[in-house]
């Protein structure tokens, strides 16, 4: 298969950028980090477009790159958040993560695959087949991950004090 054209990647970027940023904002809680991760992902796609094998749609390939960029950003973001939290604690203010809603904290506590499947389904509005391609898993795994995530959230919300 010939190398993917930069214009094909640009088309996907224009179509998916907003949804990708929205998913990552939910993942990180920070629009700047989300935008940076999406931009890094698409820049990497343009540089590596010759690696596209065509075994999945370009959109799935792009979403996979976005998720991988998010994982890389998450590690550096987590380090920075620990530092910010330590600094905030030292002067008596409440760290941002502790002021989030209870649901956001419950979602953040989900295993990564469940959390990503949840974001891709309900924030990016991807169907199970596309989520499976993005996460490089079977459709049944997507279904099981979403079921487990929703069950965990439902149970935690039912057990939470009113």
Foldseek 3Di string as FASTA:
>chain_A
DAFDDLVVLVVLCVVQVVLQLQLLCLQQVDSVLSNVLLVVLSVVCNVVRRPDPPPDDPNLVSLLSSVVSSVVSVVVSVVVLVVVCVVCVVVPHHRPVVPDDPLSVLLNPQPPLLSSLVSCCPRVVDDLVSSCSSVVHDSVVSVVSPVVSVVSSVVVVVPDDD
